[in-house]
Each structure stands twice: as structure tokens, then as C-alpha cells.
């Protein structure tokens, strides 16, 4: 939903596949486990070796420590219910459209 630049074909294709996998898994699990929420989570930009080459354009307040990101994701998970299944959520609890 945020692709305004193009490029990064393999990365974007992998994300699209992961999103579809999450949606499909949510449907299948929902048939067997009422009340379950299967969601995708976006941790934000975490200060790690993976993000290091791309951190130059990230404002300092948007570059998270692993601990901060994990705590935020746990808060998001704690607030979920079955109606959220199959959705994607950012570290701050915002629903990510796809």
C-alpha cells in the first residue's frame, strides 16, 4: 500500500506473498479455532544489521531499538481480537492496508 517509488521487486514480491499467506492462514485457522486472530506485524525500522544500509533516510525518532519494537508489538498483540484476523498491523497499532 505504500509503494510510491517502485523498484525492489524481489522484496516487494516477497512481502505481497507473505501478506497473502497471512490472509489464507487466518481463514484456515479460523475454521478450526474460533476466536483466534492470525495477523501480520510490521516492527517499524529496527536498528539492526539488516536495516543498516537503509538507515540514512530514517529520522532518529523512527529508528527503533529491538527492545522498543518488541514491546510495541506485544502491546499490539494484546489489543487484538478475532475480528482482526487476517489483517496487518504496524508497531503503533495502525492497520496497514493491502
C-alpha atoms as a PDB file:
ATOM      1  CA  UNK A   1       0.000   0.000   0.000  1.00  0.00           C
ATOM      2  CA  UNK A   2       2.959   2.364   0.362  1.00  0.00           C
ATOM      3  CA  UNK A   3       4.751   1.659  -2.921  1.00  0.00           C
ATOM      4  CA  UNK A   4       5.205   5.060  -4.458  1.00  0.00           C
ATOM      5  CA  UNK A   5       8.766   4.524  -5.631  1.00  0.00           C
ATOM      6  CA  UNK A   6       8.758   1.228  -7.499  1.00  0.00           C
ATOM      7  CA  UNK A   7      11.864  -0.929  -7.556  1.00  0.00           C
ATOM      8  CA  UNK A   8      12.854  -3.546  -5.006  1.00  0.00           C
ATOM      9  CA  UNK A   9      10.980  -6.205  -6.993  1.00  0.00           C
ATOM     10  CA  UNK A  10      12.040  -9.278  -5.042  1.00  0.00           C
ATOM     11  CA  UNK A  11      11.470  -7.585  -1.681  1.00  0.00           C
ATOM     12  CA  UNK A  12       8.029  -6.302  -2.645  1.00  0.00           C
ATOM     13  CA  UNK A  13       7.030  -9.628  -4.190  1.00  0.00           C
ATOM     14  CA  UNK A  14       8.073 -11.454  -1.017  1.00  0.00           C
ATOM     15  CA  UNK A  15       6.039  -9.030   1.125  1.00  0.00           C
ATOM     16  CA  UNK A  16       2.979  -9.476  -1.100  1.00  0.00           C
ATOM     17  CA  UNK A  17       3.335 -13.248  -0.841  1.00  0.00           C
ATOM     18  CA  UNK A  18       3.685 -13.026   2.954  1.00  0.00           C
ATOM     19  CA  UNK A  19       0.569 -10.870   3.180  1.00  0.00           C
ATOM     20  CA  UNK A  20      -1.446 -13.364   1.126  1.00  0.00           C
ATOM     21  CA  UNK A  21      -0.082 -16.242   3.202  1.00  0.00           C
ATOM     22  CA  UNK A  22      -1.235 -14.473   6.385  1.00  0.00           C
ATOM     23  CA  UNK A  23      -4.715 -13.902   4.951  1.00  0.00           C
ATOM     24  CA  UNK A  24      -5.038 -17.519   3.811  1.00  0.00           C
ATOM     25  CA  UNK A  25      -3.729 -18.902   7.098  1.00  0.00           C
ATOM     26  CA  UNK A  26      -6.177 -16.711   9.021  1.00  0.00           C
ATOM     27  CA  UNK A  27      -9.072 -18.179   7.034  1.00  0.00           C
ATOM     28  CA  UNK A  28      -7.933 -21.763   7.550  1.00  0.00           C
ATOM     29  CA  UNK A  29      -7.175 -21.353  11.255  1.00  0.00           C
ATOM     30  CA  UNK A  30     -10.461 -19.524  11.798  1.00  0.00           C
ATOM     31  CA  UNK A  31     -12.357 -22.599  10.638  1.00  0.00           C
ATOM     32  CA  UNK A  32     -10.838 -24.704  13.396  1.00  0.00           C
ATOM     33  CA  UNK A  33     -10.195 -22.191  16.162  1.00  0.00           C
ATOM     34  CA  UNK A  34     -12.965 -19.697  16.809  1.00  0.00           C
ATOM     35  CA  UNK A  35     -11.728 -16.563  18.498  1.00  0.00           C
ATOM     36  CA  UNK A  36      -8.203 -16.777  17.079  1.00  0.00           C
ATOM     37  CA  UNK A  37      -6.504 -13.786  15.456  1.00  0.00           C
ATOM     38  CA  UNK A  38      -3.799 -14.516  12.880  1.00  0.00           C
ATOM     39  CA  UNK A  39      -2.163 -11.252  11.804  1.00  0.00           C
ATOM     40  CA  UNK A  40       0.934  -9.823  10.213  1.00  0.00           C
ATOM     41  CA  UNK A  41       3.051  -7.372  12.195  1.00  0.00           C
ATOM     42  CA  UNK A  42       5.356  -4.606  10.993  1.00  0.00           C
ATOM     43  CA  UNK A  43       8.006  -3.739  13.608  1.00  0.00           C
ATOM     44  CA  UNK A  44       8.966  -0.400  12.091  1.00  0.00           C
ATOM     45  CA  UNK A  45      12.585   0.265  11.175  1.00  0.00           C
ATOM     46  CA  UNK A  46      14.642  -1.603  13.741  1.00  0.00           C
ATOM     47  CA  UNK A  47      18.289  -0.706  14.246  1.00  0.00           C
ATOM     48  CA  UNK A  48      19.918  -3.906  13.018  1.00  0.00           C
ATOM     49  CA  UNK A  49      22.471  -5.169  10.524  1.00  0.00           C
ATOM     50  CA  UNK A  50      19.622  -5.769   8.070  1.00  0.00           C
ATOM     51  CA  UNK A  51      18.427  -2.160   8.147  1.00  0.00           C
ATOM     52  CA  UNK A  52      21.879  -0.554   8.479  1.00  0.00           C
ATOM     53  CA  UNK A  53      22.319   0.153   4.739  1.00  0.00           C
ATOM     54  CA  UNK A  54      18.937   1.930   4.630  1.00  0.00           C
ATOM     55  CA  UNK A  55      19.026   3.946   7.853  1.00  0.00           C
ATOM     56  CA  UNK A  56      20.438   7.112   6.279  1.00  0.00           C
ATOM     57  CA  UNK A  57      16.970   8.453   5.413  1.00  0.00           C
ATOM     58  CA  UNK A  58      15.273   7.340   8.636  1.00  0.00           C
ATOM     59  CA  UNK A  59      14.668  10.093  11.205  1.00  0.00           C
ATOM     60  CA  UNK A  60      16.228   9.184  14.574  1.00  0.00           C
ATOM     61  CA  UNK A  61      12.817   9.045  16.282  1.00  0.00           C
ATOM     62  CA  UNK A  62      11.683   6.421  13.721  1.00  0.00           C
ATOM     63  CA  UNK A  63      14.718   4.124  14.146  1.00  0.00           C
ATOM     64  CA  UNK A  64      13.794   1.714  16.925  1.00  0.00           C
ATOM     65  CA  UNK A  65      15.806  -0.466  19.231  1.00  0.00           C
ATOM     66  CA  UNK A  66      14.871  -4.151  19.126  1.00  0.00           C
ATOM     67  CA  UNK A  67      13.519  -3.875  22.691  1.00  0.00           C
ATOM     68  CA  UNK A  68      11.299  -0.889  21.881  1.00  0.00           C
ATOM     69  CA  UNK A  69       9.923  -2.581  18.773  1.00  0.00           C
ATOM     70  CA  UNK A  70       9.240  -5.856  20.599  1.00  0.00           C
ATOM     71  CA  UNK A  71       7.435  -4.048  23.422  1.00  0.00           C
ATOM     72  CA  UNK A  72       5.275  -2.156  20.935  1.00  0.00           C
ATOM     73  CA  UNK A  73       4.407  -5.338  19.013  1.00  0.00           C
ATOM     74  CA  UNK A  74       3.435  -7.098  22.241  1.00  0.00           C
ATOM     75  CA  UNK A  75       1.089  -4.193  23.005  1.00  0.00           C
ATOM     76  CA  UNK A  76      -0.489  -4.544  19.564  1.00  0.00           C
ATOM     77  CA  UNK A  77      -0.973  -8.283  20.042  1.00  0.00           C
ATOM     78  CA  UNK A  78      -2.519  -7.748  23.474  1.00  0.00           C
ATOM     79  CA  UNK A  79      -5.163  -5.485  21.947  1.00  0.00           C
ATOM     80  CA  UNK A  80      -6.222  -7.891  19.170  1.00  0.00           C
ATOM     81  CA  UNK A  81      -9.426  -9.872  18.988  1.00  0.00           C
ATOM     82  CA  UNK A  82     -10.859 -12.336  16.486  1.00  0.00           C
ATOM     83  CA  UNK A  83     -12.248  -9.556  14.285  1.00  0.00           C
ATOM     84  CA  UNK A  84      -8.662  -8.517  13.491  1.00  0.00           C
ATOM     85  CA  UNK A  85      -7.725 -11.839  11.936  1.00  0.00           C
ATOM     86  CA  UNK A  86      -6.127 -11.700   8.506  1.00  0.00           C
ATOM     87  CA  UNK A  87      -5.067  -8.062   8.891  1.00  0.00           C
ATOM     88  CA  UNK A  88      -1.683  -6.357   9.033  1.00  0.00           C
ATOM     89  CA  UNK A  89      -0.692  -4.046  11.867  1.00  0.00           C
ATOM     90  CA  UNK A  90       2.175  -1.638  12.373  1.00  0.00           C
ATOM     91  CA  UNK A  91       4.196  -1.306  15.574  1.00  0.00           C
ATOM     92  CA  UNK A  92       1.918   1.547  16.689  1.00  0.00           C
ATOM     93  CA  UNK A  93      -1.310  -0.450  16.252  1.00  0.00           C
ATOM     94  CA  UNK A  94      -2.312   1.181  12.976  1.00  0.00           C
ATOM     95  CA  UNK A  95      -3.918  -1.168  10.459  1.00  0.00           C
ATOM     96  CA  UNK A  96      -1.846  -1.436   7.276  1.00  0.00           C
ATOM     97  CA  UNK A  97      -3.924  -1.602   4.097  1.00  0.00           C
ATOM     98  CA  UNK A  98      -3.016  -4.109   1.414  1.00  0.00           C
END
